[in-house]
């Protein structure tokens, strides 16, 4: 990874990009710093991801709650002030939010 100098992030200046789910939508605000990606992500009410993800993440729930479903059928609820972490290719997972949620998601080369 490259050396990242001290900097602040003004999320209000970062464009929200819409990603349609199987149901609902997700809005991503993304900051890419070399092999590090930092995102503020909001899922609408009724959002269900349109794919199973194999990527590693550090996910922190800022507002609301959501369910992470693993391909094994296991489901975990993550609520405000809770986090999860997983490395690349260690689980297939997808997200569902009944009432909407706001997340901070960090991923990148360090999770390989």
PDB file of N, CA and C in Angstrom:
ATOM      1  N   UNK A   1       0.834  -1.183   0.000  1.00  0.00           N
ATOM      2  CA  UNK A   1       0.000   0.000   0.000  1.00  0.00           C
ATOM      3  C   UNK A   1       0.874   1.241   0.000  1.00  0.00           C
ATOM      4  N   UNK A   2       0.334   2.282  -0.576  1.00  0.00           N
ATOM      5  CA  UNK A   2       1.068   3.547  -0.606  1.00  0.00           C
ATOM      6  C   UNK A   2       0.924   4.258   0.729  1.00  0.00           C
ATOM      7  N   UNK A   3       1.809   5.194   0.972  1.00  0.00           N
ATOM      8  CA  UNK A   3       1.727   6.006   2.186  1.00  0.00           C
ATOM      9  C   UNK A   3       0.631   7.034   1.977  1.00  0.00           C
ATOM     10  N   UNK A   4      -0.257   7.142   2.930  1.00  0.00           N
ATOM     11  CA  UNK A   4      -1.385   8.067   2.830  1.00  0.00           C
ATOM     12  C   UNK A   4      -1.137   9.206   3.805  1.00  0.00           C
ATOM     13  N   UNK A   5      -0.978  10.426   3.303  1.00  0.00           N
ATOM     14  CA  UNK A   5      -0.756  11.556   4.200  1.00  0.00           C
ATOM     15  C   UNK A   5      -2.029  11.887   4.969  1.00  0.00           C
ATOM     16  N   UNK A   6      -1.872  12.589   6.077  1.00  0.00           N
ATOM     17  CA  UNK A   6      -3.023  13.025   6.859  1.00  0.00           C
ATOM     18  C   UNK A   6      -3.955  13.838   5.977  1.00  0.00           C
ATOM     19  N   UNK A   7      -5.235  13.529   6.073  1.00  0.00           N
ATOM     20  CA  UNK A   7      -6.233  14.286   5.331  1.00  0.00           C
ATOM     21  C   UNK A   7      -7.597  14.095   5.970  1.00  0.00           C
ATOM     22  N   UNK A   8      -8.442  15.061   5.789  1.00  0.00           N
ATOM     23  CA  UNK A   8      -9.822  14.940   6.239  1.00  0.00           C
ATOM     24  C   UNK A   8     -10.676  14.587   5.032  1.00  0.00           C
ATOM     25  N   UNK A   9     -11.842  14.034   5.296  1.00  0.00           N
ATOM     26  CA  UNK A   9     -12.756  13.651   4.219  1.00  0.00           C
ATOM     27  C   UNK A   9     -14.051  14.434   4.399  1.00  0.00           C
ATOM     28  N   UNK A  10     -14.370  15.266   3.428  1.00  0.00           N
ATOM     29  CA  UNK A  10     -15.633  15.995   3.423  1.00  0.00           C
ATOM     30  C   UNK A  10     -16.619  15.185   2.586  1.00  0.00           C
ATOM     31  N   UNK A  11     -17.392  14.336   3.267  1.00  0.00           N
ATOM     32  CA  UNK A  11     -18.311  13.442   2.556  1.00  0.00           C
ATOM     33  C   UNK A  11     -19.362  14.204   1.765  1.00  0.00           C
ATOM     34  N   UNK A  12     -19.667  15.444   2.151  1.00  0.00           N
ATOM     35  CA  UNK A  12     -20.666  16.218   1.407  1.00  0.00           C
ATOM     36  C   UNK A  12     -20.169  16.586   0.015  1.00  0.00           C
ATOM     37  N   UNK A  13     -18.860  16.518  -0.210  1.00  0.00           N
ATOM     38  CA  UNK A  13     -18.306  16.862  -1.519  1.00  0.00           C
ATOM     39  C   UNK A  13     -18.115  15.635  -2.417  1.00  0.00           C
ATOM     40  N   UNK A  14     -18.437  14.451  -1.911  1.00  0.00           N
ATOM     41  CA  UNK A  14     -18.245  13.227  -2.687  1.00  0.00           C
ATOM     42  C   UNK A  14     -19.594  12.769  -3.237  1.00  0.00           C
ATOM     43  N   UNK A  15     -19.634  12.595  -4.548  1.00  0.00           N
ATOM     44  CA  UNK A  15     -20.857  12.234  -5.253  1.00  0.00           C
ATOM     45  C   UNK A  15     -21.447  10.913  -4.744  1.00  0.00           C
ATOM     46  N   UNK A  16     -22.782  10.879  -4.637  1.00  0.00           N
ATOM     47  CA  UNK A  16     -23.490   9.638  -4.324  1.00  0.00           C
ATOM     48  C   UNK A  16     -23.817   8.936  -5.639  1.00  0.00           C
ATOM     49  N   UNK A  17     -23.380   7.687  -5.745  1.00  0.00           N
ATOM     50  CA  UNK A  17     -23.624   6.896  -6.953  1.00  0.00           C
ATOM     51  C   UNK A  17     -24.621   5.803  -6.604  1.00  0.00           C
ATOM     52  N   UNK A  18     -25.675   5.699  -7.403  1.00  0.00           N
ATOM     53  CA  UNK A  18     -26.740   4.717  -7.159  1.00  0.00           C
ATOM     54  C   UNK A  18     -26.363   3.353  -7.725  1.00  0.00           C
ATOM     55  N   UNK A  19     -26.586   2.314  -6.912  1.00  0.00           N
ATOM     56  CA  UNK A  19     -26.393   0.918  -7.331  1.00  0.00           C
ATOM     57  C   UNK A  19     -27.693   0.184  -7.024  1.00  0.00           C
ATOM     58  N   UNK A  20     -28.346  -0.299  -8.053  1.00  0.00           N
ATOM     59  CA  UNK A  20     -29.615  -1.008  -7.856  1.00  0.00           C
ATOM     60  C   UNK A  20     -29.361  -2.388  -7.259  1.00  0.00           C
ATOM     61  N   UNK A  21     -30.204  -2.754  -6.312  1.00  0.00           N
ATOM     62  CA  UNK A  21     -30.150  -4.087  -5.744  1.00  0.00           C
ATOM     63  C   UNK A  21     -31.171  -4.979  -6.442  1.00  0.00           C
ATOM     64  N   UNK A  22     -31.260  -6.210  -5.979  1.00  0.00           N
ATOM     65  CA  UNK A  22     -32.337  -7.081  -6.457  1.00  0.00           C
ATOM     66  C   UNK A  22     -33.665  -6.403  -6.143  1.00  0.00           C
ATOM     67  N   UNK A  23     -33.723  -5.808  -4.944  1.00  0.00           N
ATOM     68  CA  UNK A  23     -34.800  -4.897  -4.570  1.00  0.00           C
ATOM     69  C   UNK A  23     -34.145  -3.694  -3.909  1.00  0.00           C
ATOM     70  N   UNK A  24     -34.738  -2.537  -4.038  1.00  0.00           N
ATOM     71  CA  UNK A  24     -34.200  -1.329  -3.431  1.00  0.00           C
ATOM     72  C   UNK A  24     -32.926  -0.845  -4.107  1.00  0.00           C
ATOM     73  N   UNK A  25     -32.316   0.176  -3.504  1.00  0.00           N
ATOM     74  CA  UNK A  25     -31.093   0.760  -4.054  1.00  0.00           C
ATOM     75  C   UNK A  25     -30.076   1.020  -2.939  1.00  0.00           C
ATOM     76  N   UNK A  26     -28.822   1.077  -3.351  1.00  0.00           N
ATOM     77  CA  UNK A  26     -27.733   1.479  -2.464  1.00  0.00           C
ATOM     78  C   UNK A  26     -27.106   2.726  -3.062  1.00  0.00           C
ATOM     79  N   UNK A  27     -26.716   3.662  -2.200  1.00  0.00           N
ATOM     80  CA  UNK A  27     -25.998   4.855  -2.626  1.00  0.00           C
ATOM     81  C   UNK A  27     -24.605   4.800  -2.023  1.00  0.00           C
ATOM     82  N   UNK A  28     -23.594   4.858  -2.882  1.00  0.00           N
ATOM     83  CA  UNK A  28     -22.207   4.792  -2.453  1.00  0.00           C
ATOM     84  C   UNK A  28     -21.537   6.146  -2.626  1.00  0.00           C
ATOM     85  N   UNK A  29     -20.797   6.556  -1.617  1.00  0.00           N
ATOM     86  CA  UNK A  29     -19.852   7.658  -1.728  1.00  0.00           C
ATOM     87  C   UNK A  29     -18.488   7.027  -1.504  1.00  0.00           C
ATOM     88  N   UNK A  30     -17.608   7.118  -2.483  1.00  0.00           N
ATOM     89  CA  UNK A  30     -16.373   6.338  -2.469  1.00  0.00           C
ATOM     90  C   UNK A  30     -15.138   7.222  -2.538  1.00  0.00           C
ATOM     91  N   UNK A  31     -14.185   6.915  -1.670  1.00  0.00           N
ATOM     92  CA  UNK A  31     -12.858   7.529  -1.707  1.00  0.00           C
ATOM     93  C   UNK A  31     -11.867   6.397  -1.952  1.00  0.00           C
ATOM     94  N   UNK A  32     -11.122   6.472  -3.056  1.00  0.00           N
ATOM     95  CA  UNK A  32     -10.137   5.455  -3.404  1.00  0.00           C
ATOM     96  C   UNK A  32      -8.751   6.017  -3.174  1.00  0.00           C
ATOM     97  N   UNK A  33      -7.966   5.355  -2.336  1.00  0.00           N
ATOM     98  CA  UNK A  33      -6.595   5.767  -2.025  1.00  0.00           C
ATOM     99  C   UNK A  33      -5.671   4.594  -2.315  1.00  0.00           C
ATOM    100  N   UNK A  34      -5.206   4.498  -3.538  1.00  0.00           N
ATOM    101  CA  UNK A  34      -4.390   3.347  -3.923  1.00  0.00           C
ATOM    102  C   UNK A  34      -5.185   2.069  -3.736  1.00  0.00           C
ATOM    103  N   UNK A  35      -4.638   1.134  -2.948  1.00  0.00           N
ATOM    104  CA  UNK A  35      -5.304  -0.139  -2.706  1.00  0.00           C
ATOM    105  C   UNK A  35      -6.272  -0.116  -1.542  1.00  0.00           C
ATOM    106  N   UNK A  36      -6.685   1.081  -1.122  1.00  0.00           N
ATOM    107  CA  UNK A  36      -7.622   1.238  -0.004  1.00  0.00           C
ATOM    108  C   UNK A  36      -8.869   1.953  -0.502  1.00  0.00           C
ATOM    109  N   UNK A  37     -10.039   1.369  -0.228  1.00  0.00           N
ATOM    110  CA  UNK A  37     -11.305   1.991  -0.603  1.00  0.00           C
ATOM    111  C   UNK A  37     -12.116   2.241   0.661  1.00  0.00           C
ATOM    112  N   UNK A  38     -12.580   3.484   0.816  1.00  0.00           N
ATOM    113  CA  UNK A  38     -13.403   3.876   1.955  1.00  0.00           C
ATOM    114  C   UNK A  38     -14.731   4.358   1.387  1.00  0.00           C
ATOM    115  N   UNK A  39     -15.840   3.814   1.920  1.00  0.00           N
ATOM    116  CA  UNK A  39     -17.155   4.180   1.389  1.00  0.00           C
ATOM    117  C   UNK A  39     -18.140   4.490   2.504  1.00  0.00           C
ATOM    118  N   UNK A  40     -18.979   5.483   2.272  1.00  0.00           N
ATOM    119  CA  UNK A  40     -20.211   5.649   3.025  1.00  0.00           C
ATOM    120  C   UNK A  40     -21.285   5.059   2.131  1.00  0.00           C
ATOM    121  N   UNK A  41     -22.041   4.114   2.663  1.00  0.00           N
ATOM    122  CA  UNK A  41     -23.045   3.416   1.869  1.00  0.00           C
ATOM    123  C   UNK A  41     -24.378   3.479   2.597  1.00  0.00           C
ATOM    124  N   UNK A  42     -25.418   3.824   1.856  1.00  0.00           N
ATOM    125  CA  UNK A  42     -26.774   3.841   2.396  1.00  0.00           C
ATOM    126  C   UNK A  42     -27.623   2.869   1.595  1.00  0.00           C
ATOM    127  N   UNK A  43     -28.309   1.972   2.311  1.00  0.00           N
ATOM    128  CA  UNK A  43     -29.262   1.064   1.687  1.00  0.00           C
ATOM    129  C   UNK A  43     -30.664   1.607   1.933  1.00  0.00           C
ATOM    130  N   UNK A  44     -31.502   1.586   0.905  1.00  0.00           N
ATOM    131  CA  UNK A  44     -32.885   2.018   1.048  1.00  0.00           C
ATOM    132  C   UNK A  44     -33.680   0.968   1.821  1.00  0.00           C
ATOM    133  N   UNK A  45     -34.885   1.331   2.196  1.00  0.00           N
ATOM    134  CA  UNK A  45     -35.800   0.339   2.785  1.00  0.00           C
ATOM    135  C   UNK A  45     -35.999  -0.776   1.776  1.00  0.00           C
ATOM    136  N   UNK A  46     -35.968  -2.010   2.261  1.00  0.00           N
ATOM    137  CA  UNK A  46     -36.201  -3.161   1.394  1.00  0.00           C
ATOM    138  C   UNK A  46     -35.047  -3.516   0.476  1.00  0.00           C
ATOM    139  N   UNK A  47     -33.859  -2.976   0.729  1.00  0.00           N
ATOM    140  CA  UNK A  47     -32.709  -3.279  -0.132  1.00  0.00           C
ATOM    141  C   UNK A  47     -32.247  -4.721   0.050  1.00  0.00           C
ATOM    142  N   UNK A  48     -32.038  -5.417  -1.068  1.00  0.00           N
ATOM    143  CA  UNK A  48     -31.417  -6.737  -1.101  1.00  0.00           C
ATOM    144  C   UNK A  48     -30.358  -6.697  -2.186  1.00  0.00           C
ATOM    145  N   UNK A  49     -29.115  -7.033  -1.835  1.00  0.00           N
ATOM    146  CA  UNK A  49     -28.018  -7.023  -2.810  1.00  0.00           C
ATOM    147  C   UNK A  49     -28.353  -7.933  -3.984  1.00  0.00           C
ATOM    148  N   UNK A  50     -27.897  -7.534  -5.156  1.00  0.00           N
ATOM    149  CA  UNK A  50     -28.178  -8.299  -6.373  1.00  0.00           C
ATOM    150  C   UNK A  50     -27.101  -9.339  -6.675  1.00  0.00           C
ATOM    151  N   UNK A  51     -26.179  -9.560  -5.728  1.00  0.00           N
ATOM    152  CA  UNK A  51     -25.103 -10.523  -5.949  1.00  0.00           C
ATOM    153  C   UNK A  51     -24.573 -11.040  -4.608  1.00  0.00           C
ATOM    154  N   UNK A  52     -23.879 -12.162  -4.674  1.00  0.00           N
ATOM    155  CA  UNK A  52     -23.143 -12.687  -3.522  1.00  0.00           C
ATOM    156  C   UNK A  52     -21.727 -12.149  -3.630  1.00  0.00           C
ATOM    157  N   UNK A  53     -21.233 -11.548  -2.581  1.00  0.00           N
ATOM    158  CA  UNK A  53     -19.923 -10.889  -2.582  1.00  0.00           C
ATOM    159  C   UNK A  53     -18.873 -11.800  -1.951  1.00  0.00           C
ATOM    160  N   UNK A  54     -17.707 -11.869  -2.571  1.00  0.00           N
ATOM    161  CA  UNK A  54     -16.578 -12.650  -2.055  1.00  0.00           C
ATOM    162  C   UNK A  54     -15.484 -11.738  -1.496  1.00  0.00           C
ATOM    163  N   UNK A  55     -15.691 -10.429  -1.604  1.00  0.00           N
ATOM    164  CA  UNK A  55     -14.681  -9.449  -1.205  1.00  0.00           C
ATOM    165  C   UNK A  55     -14.633  -9.305   0.313  1.00  0.00           C
ATOM    166  N   UNK A  56     -13.454  -9.029   0.826  1.00  0.00           N
ATOM    167  CA  UNK A  56     -13.303  -8.750   2.248  1.00  0.00           C
ATOM    168  C   UNK A  56     -13.694  -7.323   2.561  1.00  0.00           C
ATOM    169  N   UNK A  57     -14.199  -7.105   3.761  1.00  0.00           N
ATOM    170  CA  UNK A  57     -14.620  -5.767   4.176  1.00  0.00           C
ATOM    171  C   UNK A  57     -14.433  -5.606   5.680  1.00  0.00           C
ATOM    172  N   UNK A  58     -14.317  -4.364   6.096  1.00  0.00           N
ATOM    173  CA  UNK A  58     -14.593  -3.956   7.465  1.00  0.00           C
ATOM    174  C   UNK A  58     -15.844  -3.103   7.343  1.00  0.00           C
ATOM    175  N   UNK A  59     -16.911  -3.510   8.012  1.00  0.00           N
ATOM    176  CA  UNK A  59     -18.198  -2.822   7.902  1.00  0.00           C
ATOM    177  C   UNK A  59     -18.588  -2.329   9.288  1.00  0.00           C
ATOM    178  N   UNK A  60     -18.902  -1.039   9.384  1.00  0.00           N
ATOM    179  CA  UNK A  60     -19.366  -0.456  10.643  1.00  0.00           C
ATOM    180  C   UNK A  60     -20.722   0.196  10.391  1.00  0.00           C
ATOM    181  N   UNK A  61     -21.695  -0.163  11.205  1.00  0.00           N
ATOM    182  CA  UNK A  61     -23.054   0.353  11.070  1.00  0.00           C
ATOM    183  C   UNK A  61     -23.171   1.692  11.802  1.00  0.00           C
ATOM    184  N   UNK A  62     -23.480   2.743  11.056  1.00  0.00           N
ATOM    185  CA  UNK A  62     -23.609   4.086  11.609  1.00  0.00           C
ATOM    186  C   UNK A  62     -25.034   4.394  12.061  1.00  0.00           C
ATOM    187  N   UNK A  63     -26.014   3.923  11.286  1.00  0.00           N
ATOM    188  CA  UNK A  63     -27.428   4.165  11.583  1.00  0.00           C
ATOM    189  C   UNK A  63     -28.238   2.980  11.088  1.00  0.00           C
ATOM    190  N   UNK A  64     -29.280   2.622  11.841  1.00  0.00           N
ATOM    191  CA  UNK A  64     -30.183   1.557  11.403  1.00  0.00           C
ATOM    192  C   UNK A  64     -29.626   0.174  11.673  1.00  0.00           C
ATOM    193  N   UNK A  65     -30.082  -0.789  10.884  1.00  0.00           N
ATOM    194  CA  UNK A  65     -29.606  -2.171  10.996  1.00  0.00           C
ATOM    195  C   UNK A  65     -29.810  -2.878   9.663  1.00  0.00           C
ATOM    196  N   UNK A  66     -29.105  -3.989   9.518  1.00  0.00           N
ATOM    197  CA  UNK A  66     -29.245  -4.805   8.309  1.00  0.00           C
ATOM    198  C   UNK A  66     -28.841  -6.231   8.625  1.00  0.00           C
ATOM    199  N   UNK A  67     -29.180  -7.108   7.708  1.00  0.00           N
ATOM    200  CA  UNK A  67     -28.853  -8.527   7.843  1.00  0.00           C
ATOM    201  C   UNK A  67     -27.793  -8.883   6.810  1.00  0.00           C
ATOM    202  N   UNK A  68     -26.741  -9.542   7.260  1.00  0.00           N
ATOM    203  CA  UNK A  68     -25.776 -10.140   6.346  1.00  0.00           C
ATOM    204  C   UNK A  68     -26.077 -11.627   6.290  1.00  0.00           C
ATOM    205  N   UNK A  69     -26.339 -12.105   5.090  1.00  0.00           N
ATOM    206  CA  UNK A  69     -26.624 -13.518   4.877  1.00  0.00           C
ATOM    207  C   UNK A  69     -25.411 -14.162   4.229  1.00  0.00           C
ATOM    208  N   UNK A  70     -24.958 -15.274   4.786  1.00  0.00           N
ATOM    209  CA  UNK A  70     -23.871 -16.041   4.193  1.00  0.00           C
ATOM    210  C   UNK A  70     -24.457 -17.102   3.273  1.00  0.00           C
ATOM    211  N   UNK A  71     -23.682 -17.550   2.301  1.00  0.00           N
ATOM    212  CA  UNK A  71     -24.163 -18.569   1.361  1.00  0.00           C
ATOM    213  C   UNK A  71     -24.472 -19.884   2.067  1.00  0.00           C
ATOM    214  N   UNK A  72     -23.969 -20.054   3.289  1.00  0.00           N
ATOM    215  CA  UNK A  72     -24.255 -21.253   4.084  1.00  0.00           C
ATOM    216  C   UNK A  72     -25.668 -21.216   4.676  1.00  0.00           C
ATOM    217  N   UNK A  73     -26.335 -20.030   4.582  1.00  0.00           N
ATOM    218  CA  UNK A  73     -27.658 -19.865   5.158  1.00  0.00           C
ATOM    219  C   UNK A  73     -27.638 -19.127   6.489  1.00  0.00           C
ATOM    220  N   UNK A  74     -26.454 -18.988   7.087  1.00  0.00           N
ATOM    221  CA  UNK A  74     -26.331 -18.254   8.355  1.00  0.00           C
ATOM    222  C   UNK A  74     -26.644 -16.778   8.119  1.00  0.00           C
ATOM    223  N   UNK A  75     -27.368 -16.180   9.078  1.00  0.00           N
ATOM    224  CA  UNK A  75     -27.711 -14.766   8.992  1.00  0.00           C
ATOM    225  C   UNK A  75     -27.276 -14.056  10.269  1.00  0.00           C
ATOM    226  N   UNK A  76     -26.713 -12.851  10.100  1.00  0.00           N
ATOM    227  CA  UNK A  76     -26.257 -12.043  11.225  1.00  0.00           C
ATOM    228  C   UNK A  76     -26.864 -10.656  11.106  1.00  0.00           C
ATOM    229  N   UNK A  77     -27.426 -10.162  12.197  1.00  0.00           N
ATOM    230  CA  UNK A  77     -27.955  -8.804  12.222  1.00  0.00           C
ATOM    231  C   UNK A  77     -26.877  -7.873  12.757  1.00  0.00           C
ATOM    232  N   UNK A  78     -26.646  -6.794  12.046  1.00  0.00           N
ATOM    233  CA  UNK A  78     -25.702  -5.775  12.484  1.00  0.00           C
ATOM    234  C   UNK A  78     -26.493  -4.492  12.705  1.00  0.00           C
ATOM    235  N   UNK A  79     -26.358  -3.923  13.891  1.00  0.00           N
ATOM    236  CA  UNK A  79     -27.088  -2.710  14.267  1.00  0.00           C
ATOM    237  C   UNK A  79     -26.119  -1.570  14.548  1.00  0.00           C
ATOM    238  N   UNK A  80     -26.666  -0.388  14.759  1.00  0.00           N
ATOM    239  CA  UNK A  80     -25.882   0.815  15.015  1.00  0.00           C
ATOM    240  C   UNK A  80     -24.773   0.538  16.032  1.00  0.00           C
ATOM    241  N   UNK A  81     -23.571   1.000  15.716  1.00  0.00           N
ATOM    242  CA  UNK A  81     -22.368   0.882  16.547  1.00  0.00           C
ATOM    243  C   UNK A  81     -21.783  -0.522  16.596  1.00  0.00           C
ATOM    244  N   UNK A  82     -22.218  -1.403  15.699  1.00  0.00           N
ATOM    245  CA  UNK A  82     -21.625  -2.741  15.594  1.00  0.00           C
ATOM    246  C   UNK A  82     -20.868  -2.843  14.268  1.00  0.00           C
ATOM    247  N   UNK A  83     -19.899  -3.768  14.232  1.00  0.00           N
ATOM    248  CA  UNK A  83     -19.049  -3.936  13.052  1.00  0.00           C
ATOM    249  C   UNK A  83     -18.841  -5.407  12.756  1.00  0.00           C
ATOM    250  N   UNK A  84     -18.433  -5.689  11.519  1.00  0.00           N
ATOM    251  CA  UNK A  84     -17.916  -7.017  11.198  1.00  0.00           C
ATOM    252  C   UNK A  84     -16.716  -6.870  10.283  1.00  0.00           C
ATOM    253  N   UNK A  85     -15.895  -7.911  10.244  1.00  0.00           N
ATOM    254  CA  UNK A  85     -14.725  -7.939   9.378  1.00  0.00           C
ATOM    255  C   UNK A  85     -14.614  -9.332   8.765  1.00  0.00           C
ATOM    256  N   UNK A  86     -14.200  -9.389   7.493  1.00  0.00           N
ATOM    257  CA  UNK A  86     -13.965 -10.658   6.811  1.00  0.00           C
ATOM    258  C   UNK A  86     -12.925 -10.418   5.722  1.00  0.00           C
ATOM    259  N   UNK A  87     -12.063 -11.391   5.491  1.00  0.00           N
ATOM    260  CA  UNK A  87     -11.054 -11.296   4.434  1.00  0.00           C
ATOM    261  C   UNK A  87     -11.629 -11.750   3.097  1.00  0.00           C
ATOM    262  N   UNK A  88     -10.944 -11.367   2.023  1.00  0.00           N
ATOM    263  CA  UNK A  88     -11.339 -11.770   0.676  1.00  0.00           C
ATOM    264  C   UNK A  88     -11.483 -13.287   0.583  1.00  0.00           C
ATOM    265  N   UNK A  89     -12.505 -13.736  -0.115  1.00  0.00           N
ATOM    266  CA  UNK A  89     -12.731 -15.131  -0.490  1.00  0.00           C
ATOM    267  C   UNK A  89     -12.904 -16.094   0.681  1.00  0.00           C
ATOM    268  N   UNK A  90     -13.284 -15.567   1.872  1.00  0.00           N
ATOM    269  CA  UNK A  90     -13.528 -16.461   3.003  1.00  0.00           C
ATOM    270  C   UNK A  90     -15.012 -16.703   3.252  1.00  0.00           C
ATOM    271  N   UNK A  91     -15.861 -15.952   2.579  1.00  0.00           N
ATOM    272  CA  UNK A  91     -17.297 -16.215   2.670  1.00  0.00           C
ATOM    273  C   UNK A  91     -18.003 -15.516   1.528  1.00  0.00           C
ATOM    274  N   UNK A  92     -19.066 -16.113   1.074  1.00  0.00           N
ATOM    275  CA  UNK A  92     -19.965 -15.435   0.140  1.00  0.00           C
ATOM    276  C   UNK A  92     -21.057 -14.835   0.990  1.00  0.00           C
ATOM    277  N   UNK A  93     -21.266 -13.525   0.829  1.00  0.00           N
ATOM    278  CA  UNK A  93     -22.235 -12.845   1.674  1.00  0.00           C
ATOM    279  C   UNK A  93     -23.013 -11.821   0.850  1.00  0.00           C
ATOM    280  N   UNK A  94     -24.203 -11.472   1.347  1.00  0.00           N
ATOM    281  CA  UNK A  94     -24.992 -10.404   0.744  1.00  0.00           C
ATOM    282  C   UNK A  94     -25.796  -9.723   1.843  1.00  0.00           C
ATOM    283  N   UNK A  95     -26.260  -8.520   1.551  1.00  0.00           N
ATOM    284  CA  UNK A  95     -26.918  -7.706   2.562  1.00  0.00           C
ATOM    285  C   UNK A  95     -28.388  -7.485   2.245  1.00  0.00           C
ATOM    286  N   UNK A  96     -29.178  -7.368   3.319  1.00  0.00           N
ATOM    287  CA  UNK A  96     -30.593  -7.013   3.224  1.00  0.00           C
ATOM    288  C   UNK A  96     -30.908  -6.024   4.343  1.00  0.00           C
ATOM    289  N   UNK A  97     -31.649  -4.966   3.998  1.00  0.00           N
ATOM    290  CA  UNK A  97     -32.074  -4.012   5.019  1.00  0.00           C
ATOM    291  C   UNK A  97     -33.567  -3.754   4.874  1.00  0.00           C
ATOM    292  N   UNK A  98     -34.307  -4.107   5.897  1.00  0.00           N
ATOM    293  CA  UNK A  98     -35.752  -3.910   5.873  1.00  0.00           C
ATOM    294  C   UNK A  98     -36.109  -2.429   5.936  1.00  0.00           C
ATOM    295  N   UNK A  99     -35.429  -1.673   6.800  1.00  0.00           N
ATOM    296  CA  UNK A  99     -35.808  -0.277   7.044  1.00  0.00           C
ATOM    297  C   UNK A  99     -34.767   0.751   6.622  1.00  0.00           C
ATOM    298  N   UNK A 100     -33.712   0.327   5.945  1.00  0.00           N
ATOM    299  CA  UNK A 100     -32.648   1.235   5.542  1.00  0.00           C
ATOM    300  C   UNK A 100     -31.529   1.260   6.567  1.00  0.00           C
ATOM    301  N   UNK A 101     -30.330   1.611   6.106  1.00  0.00           N
ATOM    302  CA  UNK A 101     -29.157   1.599   6.966  1.00  0.00           C
ATOM    303  C   UNK A 101     -28.083   2.502   6.363  1.00  0.00           C
ATOM    304  N   UNK A 102     -27.196   3.009   7.206  1.00  0.00           N
ATOM    305  CA  UNK A 102     -26.043   3.783   6.758  1.00  0.00           C
ATOM    306  C   UNK A 102     -24.796   3.114   7.314  1.00  0.00           C
ATOM    307  N   UNK A 103     -23.832   2.836   6.431  1.00  0.00           N
ATOM    308  CA  UNK A 103     -22.648   2.066   6.790  1.00  0.00           C
ATOM    309  C   UNK A 103     -21.368   2.792   6.395  1.00  0.00           C
ATOM    310  N   UNK A 104     -20.311   2.541   7.136  1.00  0.00           N
ATOM    311  CA  UNK A 104     -18.954   2.892   6.732  1.00  0.00           C
ATOM    312  C   UNK A 104     -18.287   1.569   6.360  1.00  0.00           C
ATOM    313  N   UNK A 105     -17.810   1.467   5.123  1.00  0.00           N
ATOM    314  CA  UNK A 105     -17.207   0.219   4.644  1.00  0.00           C
ATOM    315  C   UNK A 105     -15.795   0.505   4.160  1.00  0.00           C
ATOM    316  N   UNK A 106     -14.850  -0.280   4.681  1.00  0.00           N
ATOM    317  CA  UNK A 106     -13.441  -0.142   4.306  1.00  0.00           C
ATOM    318  C   UNK A 106     -12.991  -1.473   3.750  1.00  0.00           C
ATOM    319  N   UNK A 107     -12.364  -1.436   2.575  1.00  0.00           N
ATOM    320  CA  UNK A 107     -11.816  -2.664   2.018  1.00  0.00           C
ATOM    321  C   UNK A 107     -10.601  -2.316   1.169  1.00  0.00           C
ATOM    322  N   UNK A 108      -9.928  -3.353   0.730  1.00  0.00           N
ATOM    323  CA  UNK A 108      -8.739  -3.122  -0.077  1.00  0.00           C
ATOM    324  C   UNK A 108      -7.760  -4.265  -0.022  1.00  0.00           C
ATOM    325  N   UNK A 109      -6.582  -3.999  -0.556  1.00  0.00           N
ATOM    326  CA  UNK A 109      -5.554  -5.026  -0.713  1.00  0.00           C
ATOM    327  C   UNK A 109      -5.142  -5.686   0.594  1.00  0.00           C
ATOM    328  N   UNK A 110      -5.260  -4.980   1.702  1.00  0.00           N
ATOM    329  CA  UNK A 110      -4.823  -5.513   2.998  1.00  0.00           C
ATOM    330  C   UNK A 110      -5.707  -6.677   3.476  1.00  0.00           C
ATOM    331  N   UNK A 111      -6.829  -6.914   2.847  1.00  0.00           N
ATOM    332  CA  UNK A 111      -7.735  -8.005   3.259  1.00  0.00           C
ATOM    333  C   UNK A 111      -7.584  -9.254   2.400  1.00  0.00           C
ATOM    334  N   UNK A 112      -6.560  -9.296   1.547  1.00  0.00           N
ATOM    335  CA  UNK A 112      -6.340 -10.482   0.691  1.00  0.00           C
ATOM    336  C   UNK A 112      -5.733 -11.604   1.492  1.00  0.00           C
TER     337      UNK A 112
END
